[in-house]
Amino acid sequence: MKHVQYLEEAPDGGWGWFVVLSSFLCHLCIVGVAKSFGIFFPYFLEAFGEDARSTSWVSSIQGATALFGSVFAGALTNVFGCRAVVMTGSLIAAAGLISSFFITSLPAMYLTTGFITGVGFALMYTPCLTMVGRYFKKRRALANGLGVTGTGPGTFILPPFFQYIIDQYGWRGALLVTAGVALQGLVFGALLRPIYLKEDLENHSLRAPQDKSTCLKRLFDFSLFKTPIFVIFALSNIFLFFANFIPYVHLVAHARHVGIDAQSAAFLISVIGIGDGASRIAYGWLSDLGLFVRLRGYIVCLLGFSLSLLCLPVATTYPAMVVCCLCFGVFAGCYTTQTAVFVAEFCGVKRLASAIGLLYSLGGLPTLFGPPIAGYLYDVTGNYDASFYTAGSAALCSVLLIIAVEIYLTRTARARGDQERTIPSDLDIDLAVSGTRTEAVEESLELTEDTRNCKVPFLEEETTV
C-alpha cells in the first residue's frame, strides 16, 4: 500500500465518468431486465398451470434476493473491491438464467430464475452505486442521476425486445438471450477502477486491532441504525419497494386482462422506461442547482408516484394507461435519483457501501411479498384494481414518513436560528472581557457554545437536503 496514491477528496470527473458509464450499463442490463421480467409472467402462468399468486413468486424471489443480497454485496465490496464482485455476480446471474432453460416445474424456477439469478443481480448492483458515490462529491447528484438513467433505456428497449424474442423462440429461448444480457456485467464491471481517498486512510489509521468484532463491523455496519434519519429513510423505502415492484410484475397481465394485445401491453413497460430515463437526468441536474430543498422536492416526487399508481385502475383505455405509466416512470425516476445522494449525506462516503447494502436489503421483504399479495388479490377479485390501490396506499405511507421528517427538520432549523440570534452584542462581549459581565451574558455565552457544538444528525443535514 506504500505506492497507493490517496486523494484529498473525490475528483468529480476523470475516470469517474467511466464509472458513471458502468453504472448506466448496469442499470440498463440488470435493472432493465428485472423490471421487464413481467413480460414472462403470462407465459409462466400458461406453461406451469398455476394461479397468479404462485407464479408471482418467481419474480418476487428474484427481486427480493437481489435486495436482501445487497448487504452481503456491500460487505464483499469492502473486502474484495467493486470490480471483482460485479464480474462474479455477472457469471452467477447468467448461470441461473441458463439453467432455467431446462426447468419443467415452478418450484425449480424459484431456485434458478428466482434465487440464483437474484444473487447475481445483487452482486452487480450495489458496487456500481458505491463507486459513483466515491468518485463524485460536488456533482454527486448529477453523477448518480446519469448513472441510474440506464434504467430508463433498459425498461424502454427490453420489454418489446423480449416480447419479440418470445414470439420467435419461445420463453425458454428468451431466457437464454436474457443470460447474454446479464453477462455484460463482465464488461461494465471491468470499468470500476479502484479509488483511494484520504478519508479511507484516516479511517484505517483510527481502526482498532482486527479482532472478530472489528471485522464483523467492517462487513456489516449495523451502527447505522443509531442514526435516526437513516432509520426513518429506510422505513420509508420499505413502503416504496412494496409499491414499486407490483406494476412491473402485473401491469402487462392487467393490460391483457382488459383486452389490450400482447405487444401493446409490453410497450406500457417501455413507456415507464421513457419517463424514468428522462426524469433521472433532468432531476439530477436540477437538484444540484440548489433551486429547491432536496427533501421537499423528494416529497413532491413521492406524492406524484403514489397518485399515478392509484389512477391506474381508473385508466380503462390504452391512452389513459399510457399517461399513467408515463407519470409513474417520471416520478419514480426522480425519487430514485436521490436515494444514493441522501444516503451519502446521512451516513458519509466511507460507510456508503454498507448503508446502501442495508437499505436495499431491507427492501427485500416487501419486494418478496408485494407481487404475490397483488396476485392473491387478483385471484380473489378477478381483476387487478385492488392490487394497484394497495400499491398506491403503501406509497402514500412513505410520503407521510418523509413529511414528518421535513416538519421536524424545519422546526429544528427554526429553533437553531432562534438560538443563534442570542449571540451577545459587542458591548456584552466587552463587558465579559473586562470581568463585569452579567448573569444574562453568562447564560447567552453558554447557549452559543452549546449551539456551536451541537452534533444532532438532523441539524447537520438541514443545510444540504
Protein backbone atom coordinates (compact mmCIF):
# COMPACT_ATOMS: atom_id res chain seq x y z
CA MET A 1 0.00 0.00 0.00
CA LYS A 2 3.04 2.32 0.11
CA HIS A 3 2.67 3.06 -3.59
CA VAL A 4 -1.08 3.80 -3.44
CA GLN A 5 -1.97 7.44 -4.06
CA TYR A 6 -4.59 8.71 -1.65
CA LEU A 7 -6.60 11.66 -2.96
CA GLU A 8 -7.65 14.51 -0.68
CA GLU A 9 -11.21 14.32 -1.98
CA ALA A 10 -13.28 12.80 -4.78
CA PRO A 11 -12.05 14.02 -8.21
CA ASP A 12 -15.56 14.85 -9.51
CA GLY A 13 -14.58 13.73 -13.01
CA GLY A 14 -11.72 12.00 -14.82
CA TRP A 15 -12.12 8.23 -14.73
CA GLY A 16 -15.23 8.86 -12.68
CA TRP A 17 -17.18 9.38 -15.91
CA PHE A 18 -16.32 5.82 -16.96
CA VAL A 19 -17.62 4.70 -13.56
CA VAL A 20 -20.83 6.60 -14.35
CA LEU A 21 -20.93 4.76 -17.69
CA SER A 22 -20.53 1.46 -15.82
CA SER A 23 -23.44 2.37 -13.55
CA PHE A 24 -25.50 3.33 -16.60
CA LEU A 25 -24.85 -0.03 -18.28
CA CYS A 26 -25.54 -1.87 -15.02
CA HIS A 27 -28.93 -0.22 -14.69
CA LEU A 28 -29.68 -0.82 -18.37
CA CYS A 29 -28.83 -4.52 -18.25
CA ILE A 30 -29.72 -5.56 -14.69
CA VAL A 31 -32.48 -3.23 -13.50
CA GLY A 32 -33.88 -3.20 -17.03
CA VAL A 33 -34.10 -7.00 -17.01
CA ALA A 34 -35.66 -7.09 -13.53
CA LYS A 35 -38.31 -4.50 -14.43
CA SER A 36 -39.04 -6.18 -17.77
CA PHE A 37 -39.46 -9.65 -16.32
CA GLY A 38 -43.23 -9.21 -16.12
CA ILE A 39 -43.25 -9.98 -19.86
CA PHE A 40 -42.62 -13.62 -18.94
CA PHE A 41 -45.42 -13.71 -16.33
CA PRO A 42 -48.35 -14.67 -18.64
CA TYR A 43 -46.21 -17.38 -20.27
CA PHE A 44 -45.20 -18.82 -16.89
CA LEU A 45 -48.91 -18.91 -15.98
CA GLU A 46 -49.69 -20.90 -19.10
CA ALA A 47 -46.63 -23.18 -19.01
CA PHE A 48 -46.90 -24.30 -15.38
CA GLY A 49 -50.69 -24.08 -14.94
CA GLU A 50 -50.53 -22.36 -11.54
CA ASP A 51 -52.50 -19.40 -10.17
CA ALA A 52 -51.28 -15.79 -10.26
CA ARG A 53 -50.12 -15.79 -6.63
CA SER A 54 -47.89 -18.87 -7.03
CA THR A 55 -46.47 -17.71 -10.34
CA SER A 56 -45.67 -14.26 -8.93
CA TRP A 57 -43.13 -15.82 -6.58
CA VAL A 58 -40.64 -16.25 -9.45
CA SER A 59 -40.20 -12.50 -9.92
CA SER A 60 -40.64 -11.80 -6.21
CA ILE A 61 -37.88 -14.17 -5.16
CA GLN A 62 -35.57 -12.74 -7.81
CA GLY A 63 -36.19 -9.13 -6.75
CA ALA A 64 -36.13 -9.88 -3.03
CA THR A 65 -32.90 -11.88 -3.29
CA ALA A 66 -31.29 -9.05 -5.23
CA LEU A 67 -32.26 -6.67 -2.43
CA PHE A 68 -31.51 -8.98 0.52
CA GLY A 69 -28.16 -9.77 -1.05
CA SER A 70 -27.23 -6.08 -1.20
CA VAL A 71 -25.98 -6.11 2.38
CA PHE A 72 -23.65 -9.01 1.55
CA ALA A 73 -22.64 -7.32 -1.69
CA GLY A 74 -21.69 -4.23 0.30
CA ALA A 75 -19.69 -6.37 2.70
CA LEU A 76 -17.89 -8.22 -0.11
CA THR A 77 -17.18 -4.89 -1.79
CA ASN A 78 -15.41 -3.70 1.36
CA VAL A 79 -13.16 -6.76 1.21
CA PHE A 80 -12.64 -7.67 -2.46
CA GLY A 81 -13.42 -4.42 -4.26
CA CYS A 82 -16.21 -3.44 -6.64
CA ARG A 83 -14.70 -4.83 -9.85
CA ALA A 84 -14.33 -8.44 -8.66
CA VAL A 85 -17.78 -8.53 -7.04
CA VAL A 86 -19.59 -7.22 -10.13
CA MET A 87 -17.88 -9.62 -12.53
CA THR A 88 -18.58 -12.59 -10.23
CA GLY A 89 -22.22 -11.57 -9.98
CA SER A 90 -22.47 -11.47 -13.77
CA LEU A 91 -21.40 -15.10 -14.04
CA ILE A 92 -23.80 -16.21 -11.28
CA ALA A 93 -26.80 -14.41 -12.83
CA ALA A 94 -26.09 -15.88 -16.26
CA ALA A 95 -25.77 -19.37 -14.76
CA GLY A 96 -29.19 -19.05 -13.10
CA LEU A 97 -30.89 -17.94 -16.32
CA ILE A 98 -29.20 -20.58 -18.49
CA SER A 99 -30.18 -23.37 -16.09
CA SER A 100 -33.82 -22.14 -16.25
CA PHE A 101 -33.91 -23.25 -19.88
CA PHE A 102 -34.13 -26.88 -18.72
CA ILE A 103 -36.67 -26.38 -15.90
CA THR A 104 -40.06 -28.13 -16.09
CA SER A 105 -41.60 -27.20 -12.70
CA LEU A 106 -42.43 -23.94 -10.98
CA PRO A 107 -40.60 -24.70 -7.67
CA ALA A 108 -37.40 -25.28 -9.65
CA MET A 109 -37.91 -21.89 -11.30
CA TYR A 110 -37.98 -20.37 -7.82
CA LEU A 111 -34.42 -21.66 -7.37
CA THR A 112 -32.89 -20.87 -10.76
CA THR A 113 -34.63 -17.79 -12.17
CA GLY A 114 -35.54 -16.55 -8.71
CA PHE A 115 -32.78 -17.19 -6.17
CA ILE A 116 -29.60 -17.81 -8.19
CA THR A 117 -30.26 -15.02 -10.68
CA GLY A 118 -31.22 -12.70 -7.82
CA VAL A 119 -27.90 -13.36 -6.07
CA GLY A 120 -26.04 -12.43 -9.22
CA PHE A 121 -28.04 -9.23 -9.65
CA ALA A 122 -27.32 -8.25 -6.03
CA LEU A 123 -23.58 -8.60 -6.51
CA MET A 124 -23.71 -6.47 -9.67
CA TYR A 125 -25.91 -3.61 -8.50
CA THR A 126 -24.62 -2.33 -5.14
CA PRO A 127 -20.93 -1.90 -6.12
CA CYS A 128 -21.81 0.27 -9.12
CA LEU A 129 -23.78 2.69 -6.94
CA THR A 130 -21.00 2.73 -4.37
CA MET A 131 -18.27 3.63 -6.86
CA VAL A 132 -20.18 6.61 -8.24
CA GLY A 133 -20.50 7.98 -4.71
CA ARG A 134 -16.75 7.61 -4.17
CA TYR A 135 -15.68 9.34 -7.40
CA PHE A 136 -18.00 12.36 -7.03
CA LYS A 137 -18.77 14.86 -4.27
CA LYS A 138 -19.87 18.28 -5.53
CA ARG A 139 -21.60 16.81 -8.58
CA ARG A 140 -22.74 13.63 -6.86
CA ALA A 141 -26.44 14.15 -7.58
CA LEU A 142 -25.78 14.72 -11.29
CA ALA A 143 -23.41 11.74 -11.49
CA ASN A 144 -25.91 9.47 -9.73
CA GLY A 145 -28.66 10.80 -11.97
CA LEU A 146 -26.66 9.94 -15.10
CA GLY A 147 -25.63 6.55 -13.72
CA VAL A 148 -29.10 5.38 -12.78
CA THR A 149 -30.54 6.72 -16.03
CA GLY A 150 -29.73 3.38 -17.63
CA THR A 151 -32.90 2.02 -16.07
CA GLY A 152 -34.96 4.13 -18.47
CA PRO A 153 -33.43 2.88 -21.75
CA GLY A 154 -33.33 -0.64 -20.35
CA THR A 155 -37.00 -0.55 -19.40
CA PHE A 156 -37.83 1.02 -22.77
CA ILE A 157 -35.82 -1.34 -25.00
CA LEU A 158 -36.04 -4.71 -23.28
CA PRO A 159 -39.83 -5.34 -22.93
CA PRO A 160 -40.64 -5.19 -26.67
CA PHE A 161 -37.35 -6.94 -27.38
CA PHE A 162 -38.22 -9.78 -25.00
CA GLN A 163 -41.72 -9.99 -26.46
CA TYR A 164 -40.23 -10.29 -29.94
CA ILE A 165 -37.76 -12.98 -28.82
CA ILE A 166 -40.55 -14.89 -27.08
CA ASP A 167 -42.66 -14.75 -30.25
CA GLN A 168 -39.72 -16.08 -32.28
CA TYR A 169 -38.07 -18.61 -29.96
CA GLY A 170 -40.46 -19.15 -27.04
CA TRP A 171 -39.96 -18.09 -23.45
CA ARG A 172 -37.17 -20.63 -22.87
CA GLY A 173 -35.11 -19.26 -25.74
CA ALA A 174 -35.74 -15.74 -24.46
CA LEU A 175 -34.24 -16.72 -21.10
CA LEU A 176 -31.00 -17.68 -22.88
CA VAL A 177 -30.91 -14.25 -24.52
CA THR A 178 -31.50 -12.69 -21.10
CA ALA A 179 -28.49 -14.61 -19.80
CA GLY A 180 -26.43 -12.97 -22.53
CA VAL A 181 -27.59 -9.56 -21.31
CA ALA A 182 -26.54 -10.46 -17.76
CA LEU A 183 -23.07 -11.44 -19.00
CA GLN A 184 -22.45 -7.83 -19.99
CA GLY A 185 -21.52 -7.35 -16.35
CA LEU A 186 -18.10 -8.69 -17.29
CA VAL A 187 -17.69 -5.58 -19.45
CA PHE A 188 -19.02 -2.79 -17.26
CA GLY A 189 -17.57 -4.38 -14.14
CA ALA A 190 -14.08 -4.01 -15.62
CA LEU A 191 -14.60 -0.21 -15.74
CA LEU A 192 -14.76 0.05 -11.94
CA ARG A 193 -11.19 1.15 -11.29
CA PRO A 194 -10.50 1.40 -7.51
CA ILE A 195 -10.03 4.84 -5.97
CA TYR A 196 -8.34 5.58 -2.65
CA LEU A 197 -9.37 8.65 -0.64
CA LYS A 198 -7.68 10.32 2.33
CA GLU A 199 -10.84 9.55 4.28
CA ASP A 200 -10.12 5.82 3.83
CA LEU A 201 -6.58 6.24 5.14
CA GLU A 202 -7.74 8.17 8.19
CA ASN A 203 -10.40 5.59 8.89
CA HIS A 204 -7.79 2.82 8.57
CA SER A 205 -5.39 4.60 10.96
CA LEU A 206 -8.06 5.01 13.58
CA ARG A 207 -9.23 1.41 13.33
CA ALA A 208 -8.66 -0.83 16.34
CA PRO A 209 -6.73 -4.14 16.07
CA GLN A 210 -8.52 -6.57 13.80
CA ASP A 211 -10.43 -8.77 16.24
CA LYS A 212 -13.58 -10.61 15.26
CA SER A 213 -15.94 -7.85 16.32
CA THR A 214 -13.99 -5.25 14.33
CA CYS A 215 -14.00 -7.40 11.20
CA LEU A 216 -17.74 -8.00 11.58
CA LYS A 217 -18.37 -4.26 11.92
CA ARG A 218 -16.33 -3.67 8.78
CA LEU A 219 -18.50 -6.11 6.87
CA PHE A 220 -21.91 -5.20 8.37
CA ASP A 221 -22.07 -1.70 9.83
CA PHE A 222 -25.23 -2.03 11.90
CA SER A 223 -24.28 1.10 13.84
CA LEU A 224 -26.03 2.93 11.01
CA PHE A 225 -29.30 2.18 12.78
CA LYS A 226 -28.19 4.58 15.53
CA THR A 227 -28.71 7.42 13.06
CA PRO A 228 -32.42 8.30 13.37
CA ILE A 229 -32.74 9.92 9.96
CA PHE A 230 -31.33 6.81 8.26
CA VAL A 231 -33.83 4.60 10.11
CA ILE A 232 -36.79 6.73 9.01
CA PHE A 233 -35.49 6.93 5.46
CA ALA A 234 -35.08 3.14 5.37
CA LEU A 235 -38.61 2.61 6.71
CA SER A 236 -39.96 4.94 4.03
CA ASN A 237 -38.13 2.94 1.39
CA ILE A 238 -39.71 -0.29 2.64
CA PHE A 239 -43.13 1.04 1.61
CA LEU A 240 -41.70 2.28 -1.69
CA PHE A 241 -40.21 -1.12 -2.55
CA PHE A 242 -43.58 -2.74 -1.89
CA ALA A 243 -45.35 -0.29 -4.20
CA ASN A 244 -42.73 -0.02 -6.92
CA PHE A 245 -42.33 -3.68 -7.86
CA ILE A 246 -46.01 -4.60 -8.25
CA PRO A 247 -46.61 -2.82 -11.60
CA TYR A 248 -43.51 -4.35 -13.19
CA VAL A 249 -44.84 -7.84 -12.44
CA HIS A 250 -48.57 -7.38 -13.03
CA LEU A 251 -49.01 -4.40 -15.38
CA VAL A 252 -48.70 -6.45 -18.58
CA ALA A 253 -51.12 -9.08 -17.28
CA HIS A 254 -53.52 -6.31 -16.20
CA ALA A 255 -53.43 -4.71 -19.65
CA ARG A 256 -54.02 -8.02 -21.39
CA HIS A 257 -56.85 -8.77 -18.95
CA VAL A 258 -58.71 -5.62 -20.05
CA GLY A 259 -58.33 -6.56 -23.73
CA ILE A 260 -55.05 -5.00 -24.90
CA ASP A 261 -52.89 -7.07 -27.26
CA ALA A 262 -49.58 -8.56 -26.08
CA GLN A 263 -47.21 -6.19 -27.92
CA SER A 264 -49.10 -3.05 -26.84
CA ALA A 265 -49.26 -4.33 -23.26
CA ALA A 266 -45.50 -4.91 -23.27
CA PHE A 267 -44.97 -1.37 -24.56
CA LEU A 268 -46.53 0.04 -21.38
CA ILE A 269 -43.38 -1.01 -19.53
CA SER A 270 -41.41 0.83 -22.21
CA VAL A 271 -43.48 3.96 -21.57
CA ILE A 272 -42.46 3.76 -17.92
CA GLY A 273 -38.86 3.49 -19.09
CA ILE A 274 -39.20 6.64 -21.24
CA GLY A 275 -40.39 8.74 -18.31
CA ASP A 276 -37.92 7.12 -15.94
CA GLY A 277 -34.88 7.76 -18.11
CA ALA A 278 -35.69 11.37 -18.99
CA SER A 279 -36.54 12.37 -15.43
CA ARG A 280 -33.39 10.91 -13.89
CA ILE A 281 -31.08 13.11 -15.95
CA ALA A 282 -33.24 16.24 -15.60
CA TYR A 283 -33.92 15.88 -11.88
CA GLY A 284 -30.32 15.02 -11.02
CA TRP A 285 -29.17 18.19 -12.78
CA LEU A 286 -31.87 20.39 -11.25
CA SER A 287 -31.24 19.18 -7.71
CA ASP A 288 -27.57 20.17 -7.97
CA LEU A 289 -28.52 23.74 -8.93
CA GLY A 290 -29.92 24.40 -5.46
CA LEU A 291 -33.21 25.81 -6.76
CA PHE A 292 -35.21 23.92 -4.13
CA VAL A 293 -34.71 21.99 -0.93
CA ARG A 294 -33.96 18.44 -1.96
CA LEU A 295 -36.05 16.79 0.72
CA ARG A 296 -39.12 18.83 -0.23
CA GLY A 297 -38.63 18.02 -3.89
CA TYR A 298 -38.37 14.37 -2.88
CA ILE A 299 -41.76 14.60 -1.15
CA VAL A 300 -43.39 16.05 -4.28
CA CYS A 301 -41.96 13.19 -6.35
CA LEU A 302 -43.26 10.57 -3.91
CA LEU A 303 -46.72 12.14 -3.96
CA GLY A 304 -46.85 12.08 -7.76
CA PHE A 305 -45.64 8.48 -7.72
CA SER A 306 -48.43 7.49 -5.32
CA LEU A 307 -51.17 9.20 -7.31
CA SER A 308 -50.07 7.62 -10.59
CA LEU A 309 -50.45 4.17 -9.01
CA LEU A 310 -53.87 4.99 -7.61
CA CYS A 311 -55.05 6.20 -11.03
CA LEU A 312 -54.02 3.03 -12.91
CA PRO A 313 -57.24 1.08 -12.16
CA VAL A 314 -59.30 4.11 -13.26
CA ALA A 315 -57.48 4.24 -16.62
CA THR A 316 -59.66 1.91 -18.67
CA THR A 317 -58.44 2.94 -22.15
CA TYR A 318 -55.00 2.43 -23.63
CA PRO A 319 -54.17 6.18 -23.97
CA ALA A 320 -55.12 6.70 -20.32
CA MET A 321 -52.87 3.81 -19.30
CA VAL A 322 -50.01 5.34 -21.29
CA VAL A 323 -50.43 8.65 -19.41
CA CYS A 324 -50.47 6.91 -16.02
CA CYS A 325 -47.42 4.82 -16.90
CA LEU A 326 -45.56 7.89 -18.14
CA CYS A 327 -46.27 9.74 -14.88
CA PHE A 328 -45.30 6.66 -12.90
CA GLY A 329 -41.96 6.50 -14.71
CA VAL A 330 -41.23 10.23 -14.35
CA PHE A 331 -41.83 10.39 -10.61
CA ALA A 332 -40.15 7.03 -9.96
CA GLY A 333 -37.06 8.21 -11.83
CA CYS A 334 -36.95 11.47 -9.87
CA TYR A 335 -37.08 9.94 -6.41
CA THR A 336 -34.75 7.05 -7.29
CA THR A 337 -32.07 9.53 -8.36
CA GLN A 338 -31.88 10.91 -4.83
CA THR A 339 -31.57 7.65 -2.89
CA ALA A 340 -27.78 7.30 -3.01
CA VAL A 341 -27.38 11.08 -2.56
CA PHE A 342 -29.36 11.08 0.69
CA VAL A 343 -27.55 8.00 1.98
CA ALA A 344 -24.16 9.61 1.33
CA GLU A 345 -25.28 12.78 3.13
CA PHE A 346 -26.75 10.94 6.11
CA CYS A 347 -24.06 8.32 6.63
CA GLY A 348 -20.85 9.57 4.97
CA VAL A 349 -18.94 8.25 1.97
CA LYS A 350 -16.81 5.84 4.00
CA ARG A 351 -19.94 3.95 5.08
CA LEU A 352 -21.75 4.30 1.77
CA ALA A 353 -21.34 0.66 0.66
CA SER A 354 -22.69 -0.69 3.97
CA ALA A 355 -25.50 1.87 4.07
CA ILE A 356 -26.72 1.15 0.54
CA GLY A 357 -26.43 -2.57 1.22
CA LEU A 358 -28.55 -2.33 4.37
CA LEU A 359 -31.07 -0.03 2.71
CA TYR A 360 -31.71 -2.31 -0.24
CA SER A 361 -31.63 -5.48 1.83
CA LEU A 362 -34.44 -4.08 3.99
CA GLY A 363 -36.43 -3.65 0.79
CA GLY A 364 -36.17 -7.37 0.12
CA LEU A 365 -39.08 -8.30 2.38
CA PRO A 366 -41.73 -6.04 0.78
CA THR A 367 -40.40 -6.96 -2.65
CA LEU A 368 -40.75 -10.64 -1.79
CA PHE A 369 -44.38 -10.40 -0.67
CA GLY A 370 -45.65 -7.48 -2.77
CA PRO A 371 -46.33 -9.23 -6.11
CA PRO A 372 -47.75 -12.40 -4.51
CA ILE A 373 -50.12 -10.26 -2.44
CA ALA A 374 -51.16 -8.46 -5.62
CA GLY A 375 -51.59 -11.83 -7.34
CA TYR A 376 -53.70 -13.09 -4.46
CA LEU A 377 -55.95 -10.02 -4.71
CA TYR A 378 -56.38 -10.80 -8.42
CA ASP A 379 -57.26 -14.43 -7.69
CA VAL A 380 -59.90 -13.26 -5.18
CA THR A 381 -61.42 -10.30 -7.06
CA GLY A 382 -60.84 -11.33 -10.67
CA ASN A 383 -59.08 -8.06 -11.58
CA TYR A 384 -56.01 -6.02 -10.62
CA ASP A 385 -57.80 -2.92 -9.28
CA ALA A 386 -57.29 -3.81 -5.62
CA SER A 387 -53.66 -4.66 -6.34
CA PHE A 388 -52.84 -1.18 -7.65
CA TYR A 389 -54.88 0.55 -4.93
CA THR A 390 -52.85 -1.33 -2.34
CA ALA A 391 -49.58 -0.34 -4.02
CA GLY A 392 -50.62 3.34 -4.15
CA SER A 393 -51.65 3.32 -0.49
CA ALA A 394 -48.26 1.90 0.53
CA ALA A 395 -46.55 4.69 -1.41
CA LEU A 396 -48.66 7.26 0.45
CA CYS A 397 -47.39 5.83 3.75
CA SER A 398 -43.87 6.56 2.54
CA VAL A 399 -44.89 10.16 1.77
CA LEU A 400 -46.25 10.64 5.30
CA LEU A 401 -42.99 9.43 6.86
CA ILE A 402 -40.86 11.83 4.84
CA ILE A 403 -43.28 14.70 5.54
CA ALA A 404 -42.84 14.01 9.26
CA VAL A 405 -39.08 14.25 8.81
CA GLU A 406 -39.43 17.52 6.90
CA ILE A 407 -41.62 19.03 9.64
CA TYR A 408 -39.09 18.00 12.29
CA LEU A 409 -36.20 19.42 10.29
CA THR A 410 -37.99 22.71 9.74
CA ARG A 411 -38.82 23.17 13.41
CA THR A 412 -35.31 22.19 14.45
CA ALA A 413 -33.79 24.65 12.00
CA ARG A 414 -36.00 27.45 13.32
CA ALA A 415 -35.08 26.62 16.89
CA ARG A 416 -31.43 26.67 15.93
CA GLY A 417 -31.88 30.05 14.26
CA ASP A 418 -33.52 31.43 17.41
CA GLN A 419 -30.57 30.21 19.48
CA GLU A 420 -28.05 31.78 17.11
CA ARG A 421 -29.86 35.12 17.41
CA THR A 422 -29.00 35.09 21.14
CA ILE A 423 -25.30 35.64 20.34
CA PRO A 424 -24.15 38.52 22.64
CA SER A 425 -23.61 42.00 21.24
CA ASP A 426 -20.21 43.69 21.05
CA LEU A 427 -20.98 45.60 24.24
CA ASP A 428 -21.82 42.39 26.11
CA ILE A 429 -18.59 40.80 24.91
CA ASP A 430 -16.59 43.86 26.03
CA LEU A 431 -18.18 43.63 29.44
CA ALA A 432 -17.39 39.95 29.60
CA VAL A 433 -13.76 40.55 28.74
CA SER A 434 -13.46 43.28 31.37
CA GLY A 435 -14.71 40.89 34.00
CA THR A 436 -18.01 42.68 34.63
CA ARG A 437 -20.33 40.52 32.51
CA THR A 438 -23.81 39.99 33.85
CA GLU A 439 -25.57 36.72 34.59
CA ALA A 440 -27.59 37.11 31.38
CA VAL A 441 -24.40 37.41 29.36
CA GLU A 442 -23.05 34.25 31.03
CA GLU A 443 -26.15 32.30 30.01
CA SER A 444 -26.01 33.71 26.49
CA LEU A 445 -22.38 32.68 26.03
CA GLU A 446 -23.10 29.18 27.30
CA LEU A 447 -26.06 28.85 24.93
CA THR A 448 -23.97 29.99 21.97
CA GLU A 449 -21.24 27.48 22.77
CA ASP A 450 -23.78 24.65 23.09
CA THR A 451 -25.28 25.59 19.73
CA ARG A 452 -21.90 25.54 18.02
CA ASN A 453 -21.08 22.14 19.47
CA CYS A 454 -24.43 20.60 18.54
CA LYS A 455 -23.98 17.25 16.72
CA VAL A 456 -27.58 16.23 16.17
CA PRO A 457 -27.72 14.47 12.74
CA PHE A 458 -30.93 16.24 11.71
CA LEU A 459 -29.34 19.66 12.19
CA GLU A 460 -26.22 18.75 10.28
CA GLU A 461 -28.20 17.60 7.28
CA GLU A 462 -30.68 20.51 7.11
CA THR A 463 -28.27 22.70 5.14
CA THR A 464 -27.72 20.08 2.44
CA VAL A 465 -31.01 18.25 1.99
